[in-house]
């Protein structure tokens, strides 16, 4: 389940805090590098899905 920005703004944690502090951009980079070097035949379901999204350059919410 995901929340939109207005739902976050009503919480004690702001949207800005959430995207800057709770989402570590380096984790995304490490994940993309993992996908680049891992054998596609050994991908998990989520890795396969994200890899396909990256190949067609679309946003893929998990």
PDB file of N, CA and C in Angstrom:
ATOM      1  N   UNK A   1       0.842  -1.170   0.000  1.00  0.00           N
ATOM      2  CA  UNK A   1       0.000   0.000   0.000  1.00  0.00           C
ATOM      3  C   UNK A   1       0.889   1.234   0.000  1.00  0.00           C
ATOM      4  N   UNK A   2       0.506   2.210  -0.747  1.00  0.00           N
ATOM      5  CA  UNK A   2       1.281   3.445  -0.775  1.00  0.00           C
ATOM      6  C   UNK A   2       0.381   4.611  -0.401  1.00  0.00           C
ATOM      7  N   UNK A   3       1.006   5.646   0.116  1.00  0.00           N
ATOM      8  CA  UNK A   3       0.282   6.852   0.507  1.00  0.00           C
ATOM      9  C   UNK A   3       0.676   7.991  -0.420  1.00  0.00           C
ATOM     10  N   UNK A   4      -0.268   8.853  -0.688  1.00  0.00           N
ATOM     11  CA  UNK A   4       0.077  10.021  -1.491  1.00  0.00           C
ATOM     12  C   UNK A   4       0.676  11.101  -0.584  1.00  0.00           C
ATOM     13  N   UNK A   5       1.146  12.154  -1.190  1.00  0.00           N
ATOM     14  CA  UNK A   5       1.838  13.201  -0.441  1.00  0.00           C
ATOM     15  C   UNK A   5       0.960  13.817   0.641  1.00  0.00           C
ATOM     16  N   UNK A   6      -0.307  14.094   0.339  1.00  0.00           N
ATOM     17  CA  UNK A   6      -1.177  14.729   1.334  1.00  0.00           C
ATOM     18  C   UNK A   6      -1.364  13.840   2.558  1.00  0.00           C
ATOM     19  N   UNK A   7      -1.384  12.537   2.368  1.00  0.00           N
ATOM     20  CA  UNK A   7      -1.491  11.626   3.509  1.00  0.00           C
ATOM     21  C   UNK A   7      -0.235  11.705   4.369  1.00  0.00           C
ATOM     22  N   UNK A   8       0.929  11.834   3.734  1.00  0.00           N
ATOM     23  CA  UNK A   8       2.170  11.974   4.491  1.00  0.00           C
ATOM     24  C   UNK A   8       2.196  13.289   5.257  1.00  0.00           C
ATOM     25  N   UNK A   9       1.741  14.338   4.628  1.00  0.00           N
ATOM     26  CA  UNK A   9       1.779  15.644   5.274  1.00  0.00           C
ATOM     27  C   UNK A   9       0.911  15.689   6.525  1.00  0.00           C
ATOM     28  N   UNK A  10      -0.052  14.798   6.647  1.00  0.00           N
ATOM     29  CA  UNK A  10      -0.893  14.737   7.832  1.00  0.00           C
ATOM     30  C   UNK A  10      -0.277  13.893   8.946  1.00  0.00           C
ATOM     31  N   UNK A  11       0.844  13.260   8.690  1.00  0.00           N
ATOM     32  CA  UNK A  11       1.530  12.417   9.676  1.00  0.00           C
ATOM     33  C   UNK A  11       2.602  13.225  10.393  1.00  0.00           C
ATOM     34  N   UNK A  12       3.189  12.637  11.417  1.00  0.00           N
ATOM     35  CA  UNK A  12       4.231  13.333  12.168  1.00  0.00           C
ATOM     36  C   UNK A  12       5.526  13.460  11.357  1.00  0.00           C
ATOM     37  N   UNK A  13       5.708  12.623  10.353  1.00  0.00           N
ATOM     38  CA  UNK A  13       6.879  12.693   9.483  1.00  0.00           C
ATOM     39  C   UNK A  13       6.452  13.365   8.185  1.00  0.00           C
ATOM     40  N   UNK A  14       7.167  14.402   7.801  1.00  0.00           N
ATOM     41  CA  UNK A  14       6.815  15.101   6.564  1.00  0.00           C
ATOM     42  C   UNK A  14       7.254  14.288   5.350  1.00  0.00           C
ATOM     43  N   UNK A  15       6.669  14.603   4.223  1.00  0.00           N
ATOM     44  CA  UNK A  15       7.034  13.939   2.972  1.00  0.00           C
ATOM     45  C   UNK A  15       8.506  14.190   2.661  1.00  0.00           C
ATOM     46  N   UNK A  16       8.966  15.416   2.864  1.00  0.00           N
ATOM     47  CA  UNK A  16      10.361  15.747   2.596  1.00  0.00           C
ATOM     48  C   UNK A  16      11.307  14.918   3.464  1.00  0.00           C
ATOM     49  N   UNK A  17      10.969  14.783   4.750  1.00  0.00           N
ATOM     50  CA  UNK A  17      11.784  13.955   5.643  1.00  0.00           C
ATOM     51  C   UNK A  17      11.781  12.508   5.150  1.00  0.00           C
ATOM     52  N   UNK A  18      10.624  12.037   4.769  1.00  0.00           N
ATOM     53  CA  UNK A  18      10.494  10.653   4.309  1.00  0.00           C
ATOM     54  C   UNK A  18      11.380  10.383   3.096  1.00  0.00           C
ATOM     55  N   UNK A  19      11.317  11.248   2.077  1.00  0.00           N
ATOM     56  CA  UNK A  19      12.091  10.971   0.863  1.00  0.00           C
ATOM     57  C   UNK A  19      13.583  11.243   1.051  1.00  0.00           C
ATOM     58  N   UNK A  20      13.931  12.133   1.967  1.00  0.00           N
ATOM     59  CA  UNK A  20      15.352  12.448   2.164  1.00  0.00           C
ATOM     60  C   UNK A  20      16.025  11.572   3.204  1.00  0.00           C
ATOM     61  N   UNK A  21      15.295  11.124   4.214  1.00  0.00           N
ATOM     62  CA  UNK A  21      15.904  10.376   5.320  1.00  0.00           C
ATOM     63  C   UNK A  21      15.529   8.898   5.357  1.00  0.00           C
ATOM     64  N   UNK A  22      14.301   8.578   5.006  1.00  0.00           N
ATOM     65  CA  UNK A  22      13.845   7.189   5.126  1.00  0.00           C
ATOM     66  C   UNK A  22      14.094   6.382   3.856  1.00  0.00           C
ATOM     67  N   UNK A  23      14.265   7.065   2.734  1.00  0.00           N
ATOM     68  CA  UNK A  23      14.631   6.403   1.485  1.00  0.00           C
ATOM     69  C   UNK A  23      16.085   6.740   1.215  1.00  0.00           C
ATOM     70  N   UNK A  24      16.926   5.742   1.275  1.00  0.00           N
ATOM     71  CA  UNK A  24      18.346   5.959   1.017  1.00  0.00           C
ATOM     72  C   UNK A  24      18.607   5.718  -0.463  1.00  0.00           C
ATOM     73  N   UNK A  25      18.942   6.783  -1.205  1.00  0.00           N
ATOM     74  CA  UNK A  25      19.132   6.648  -2.645  1.00  0.00           C
ATOM     75  C   UNK A  25      20.224   5.643  -2.985  1.00  0.00           C
ATOM     76  N   UNK A  26      21.194   5.470  -2.096  1.00  0.00           N
ATOM     77  CA  UNK A  26      22.268   4.518  -2.379  1.00  0.00           C
ATOM     78  C   UNK A  26      21.758   3.087  -2.396  1.00  0.00           C
ATOM     79  N   UNK A  27      20.720   2.792  -1.633  1.00  0.00           N
ATOM     80  CA  UNK A  27      20.144   1.447  -1.682  1.00  0.00           C
ATOM     81  C   UNK A  27      19.595   1.140  -3.070  1.00  0.00           C
ATOM     82  N   UNK A  28      19.005   2.143  -3.714  1.00  0.00           N
ATOM     83  CA  UNK A  28      18.506   1.957  -5.074  1.00  0.00           C
ATOM     84  C   UNK A  28      19.657   1.726  -6.042  1.00  0.00           C
ATOM     85  N   UNK A  29      20.724   2.490  -5.883  1.00  0.00           N
ATOM     86  CA  UNK A  29      21.897   2.326  -6.755  1.00  0.00           C
ATOM     87  C   UNK A  29      22.482   0.933  -6.593  1.00  0.00           C
ATOM     88  N   UNK A  30      22.659   0.492  -5.344  1.00  0.00           N
ATOM     89  CA  UNK A  30      23.204  -0.846  -5.090  1.00  0.00           C
ATOM     90  C   UNK A  30      22.314  -1.919  -5.708  1.00  0.00           C
ATOM     91  N   UNK A  31      21.005  -1.731  -5.614  1.00  0.00           N
ATOM     92  CA  UNK A  31      20.071  -2.704  -6.171  1.00  0.00           C
ATOM     93  C   UNK A  31      20.195  -2.761  -7.694  1.00  0.00           C
ATOM     94  N   UNK A  32      20.303  -1.597  -8.338  1.00  0.00           N
ATOM     95  CA  UNK A  32      20.441  -1.569  -9.797  1.00  0.00           C
ATOM     96  C   UNK A  32      21.754  -2.218 -10.231  1.00  0.00           C
ATOM     97  N   UNK A  33      22.817  -1.986  -9.477  1.00  0.00           N
ATOM     98  CA  UNK A  33      24.107  -2.620  -9.798  1.00  0.00           C
ATOM     99  C   UNK A  33      23.997  -4.130  -9.612  1.00  0.00           C
ATOM    100  N   UNK A  34      23.331  -4.561  -8.561  1.00  0.00           N
ATOM    101  CA  UNK A  34      23.116  -5.994  -8.342  1.00  0.00           C
ATOM    102  C   UNK A  34      22.418  -6.603  -9.553  1.00  0.00           C
ATOM    103  N   UNK A  35      21.388  -5.931 -10.046  1.00  0.00           N
ATOM    104  CA  UNK A  35      20.659  -6.444 -11.204  1.00  0.00           C
ATOM    105  C   UNK A  35      21.533  -6.510 -12.451  1.00  0.00           C
ATOM    106  N   UNK A  36      22.430  -5.557 -12.578  1.00  0.00           N
ATOM    107  CA  UNK A  36      23.304  -5.523 -13.755  1.00  0.00           C
ATOM    108  C   UNK A  36      24.253  -6.719 -13.781  1.00  0.00           C
ATOM    109  N   UNK A  37      24.748  -7.123 -12.617  1.00  0.00           N
ATOM    110  CA  UNK A  37      25.768  -8.162 -12.569  1.00  0.00           C
ATOM    111  C   UNK A  37      25.249  -9.544 -12.182  1.00  0.00           C
ATOM    112  N   UNK A  38      24.042  -9.627 -11.695  1.00  0.00           N
ATOM    113  CA  UNK A  38      23.474 -10.919 -11.307  1.00  0.00           C
ATOM    114  C   UNK A  38      22.930 -11.637 -12.545  1.00  0.00           C
ATOM    115  N   UNK A  39      23.060 -12.948 -12.573  1.00  0.00           N
ATOM    116  CA  UNK A  39      22.516 -13.724 -13.678  1.00  0.00           C
ATOM    117  C   UNK A  39      20.995 -13.609 -13.677  1.00  0.00           C
ATOM    118  N   UNK A  40      20.399 -13.201 -14.787  1.00  0.00           N
ATOM    119  CA  UNK A  40      18.936 -13.066 -14.842  1.00  0.00           C
ATOM    120  C   UNK A  40      18.191 -14.351 -14.488  1.00  0.00           C
ATOM    121  N   UNK A  41      18.814 -15.488 -14.732  1.00  0.00           N
ATOM    122  CA  UNK A  41      18.163 -16.762 -14.388  1.00  0.00           C
ATOM    123  C   UNK A  41      18.091 -16.978 -12.880  1.00  0.00           C
ATOM    124  N   UNK A  42      18.812 -16.143 -12.114  1.00  0.00           N
ATOM    125  CA  UNK A  42      18.806 -16.273 -10.660  1.00  0.00           C
ATOM    126  C   UNK A  42      18.051 -15.143  -9.970  1.00  0.00           C
ATOM    127  N   UNK A  43      17.357 -14.296 -10.746  1.00  0.00           N
ATOM    128  CA  UNK A  43      16.567 -13.207 -10.174  1.00  0.00           C
ATOM    129  C   UNK A  43      15.427 -13.751  -9.334  1.00  0.00           C
ATOM    130  N   UNK A  44      15.103 -13.022  -8.270  1.00  0.00           N
ATOM    131  CA  UNK A  44      13.870 -13.279  -7.536  1.00  0.00           C
ATOM    132  C   UNK A  44      12.728 -12.668  -8.350  1.00  0.00           C
ATOM    133  N   UNK A  45      11.510 -12.865  -7.918  1.00  0.00           N
ATOM    134  CA  UNK A  45      10.374 -12.288  -8.629  1.00  0.00           C
ATOM    135  C   UNK A  45      10.451 -10.776  -8.707  1.00  0.00           C
ATOM    136  N   UNK A  46      10.773 -10.136  -7.583  1.00  0.00           N
ATOM    137  CA  UNK A  46      10.866  -8.673  -7.549  1.00  0.00           C
ATOM    138  C   UNK A  46      12.009  -8.179  -8.430  1.00  0.00           C
ATOM    139  N   UNK A  47      13.146  -8.864  -8.384  1.00  0.00           N
ATOM    140  CA  UNK A  47      14.292  -8.469  -9.208  1.00  0.00           C
ATOM    141  C   UNK A  47      13.952  -8.585 -10.696  1.00  0.00           C
ATOM    142  N   UNK A  48      13.249  -9.626 -11.058  1.00  0.00           N
ATOM    143  CA  UNK A  48      12.838  -9.819 -12.447  1.00  0.00           C
ATOM    144  C   UNK A  48      11.912  -8.688 -12.894  1.00  0.00           C
ATOM    145  N   UNK A  49      10.961  -8.348 -12.046  1.00  0.00           N
ATOM    146  CA  UNK A  49      10.005  -7.284 -12.363  1.00  0.00           C
ATOM    147  C   UNK A  49      10.708  -5.937 -12.547  1.00  0.00           C
ATOM    148  N   UNK A  50      11.569  -5.588 -11.611  1.00  0.00           N
ATOM    149  CA  UNK A  50      12.280  -4.302 -11.680  1.00  0.00           C
ATOM    150  C   UNK A  50      13.210  -4.283 -12.887  1.00  0.00           C
ATOM    151  N   UNK A  51      13.884  -5.390 -13.172  1.00  0.00           N
ATOM    152  CA  UNK A  51      14.771  -5.465 -14.327  1.00  0.00           C
ATOM    153  C   UNK A  51      14.007  -5.207 -15.622  1.00  0.00           C
ATOM    154  N   UNK A  52      12.842  -5.805 -15.749  1.00  0.00           N
ATOM    155  CA  UNK A  52      12.023  -5.585 -16.950  1.00  0.00           C
ATOM    156  C   UNK A  52      11.585  -4.128 -17.048  1.00  0.00           C
ATOM    157  N   UNK A  53      11.222  -3.535 -15.934  1.00  0.00           N
ATOM    158  CA  UNK A  53      10.827  -2.119 -15.933  1.00  0.00           C
ATOM    159  C   UNK A  53      11.984  -1.226 -16.346  1.00  0.00           C
ATOM    160  N   UNK A  54      13.182  -1.516 -15.847  1.00  0.00           N
ATOM    161  CA  UNK A  54      14.346  -0.708 -16.190  1.00  0.00           C
ATOM    162  C   UNK A  54      14.683  -0.822 -17.675  1.00  0.00           C
ATOM    163  N   UNK A  55      14.473  -2.000 -18.241  1.00  0.00           N
ATOM    164  CA  UNK A  55      14.783  -2.197 -19.660  1.00  0.00           C
ATOM    165  C   UNK A  55      13.874  -1.363 -20.552  1.00  0.00           C
ATOM    166  N   UNK A  56      12.630  -1.177 -20.154  1.00  0.00           N
ATOM    167  CA  UNK A  56      11.709  -0.367 -20.957  1.00  0.00           C
ATOM    168  C   UNK A  56      11.587   1.045 -20.399  1.00  0.00           C
ATOM    169  N   UNK A  57      12.385   1.336 -19.367  1.00  0.00           N
ATOM    170  CA  UNK A  57      12.485   2.673 -18.756  1.00  0.00           C
ATOM    171  C   UNK A  57      11.131   3.202 -18.269  1.00  0.00           C
ATOM    172  N   UNK A  58      10.443   2.368 -17.499  1.00  0.00           N
ATOM    173  CA  UNK A  58       9.195   2.814 -16.882  1.00  0.00           C
ATOM    174  C   UNK A  58       9.331   2.764 -15.370  1.00  0.00           C
ATOM    175  N   UNK A  59       8.534   3.547 -14.692  1.00  0.00           N
ATOM    176  CA  UNK A  59       8.511   3.532 -13.233  1.00  0.00           C
ATOM    177  C   UNK A  59       7.778   2.282 -12.790  1.00  0.00           C
ATOM    178  N   UNK A  60       8.320   1.572 -11.820  1.00  0.00           N
ATOM    179  CA  UNK A  60       7.696   0.327 -11.396  1.00  0.00           C
ATOM    180  C   UNK A  60       7.484   0.332  -9.874  1.00  0.00           C
ATOM    181  N   UNK A  61       6.301   0.696  -9.424  1.00  0.00           N
ATOM    182  CA  UNK A  61       6.035   0.635  -7.986  1.00  0.00           C
ATOM    183  C   UNK A  61       5.959  -0.810  -7.529  1.00  0.00           C
ATOM    184  N   UNK A  62       6.565  -1.096  -6.412  1.00  0.00           N
ATOM    185  CA  UNK A  62       6.524  -2.460  -5.867  1.00  0.00           C
ATOM    186  C   UNK A  62       5.414  -2.619  -4.877  1.00  0.00           C
TER     187      UNK A  62
END
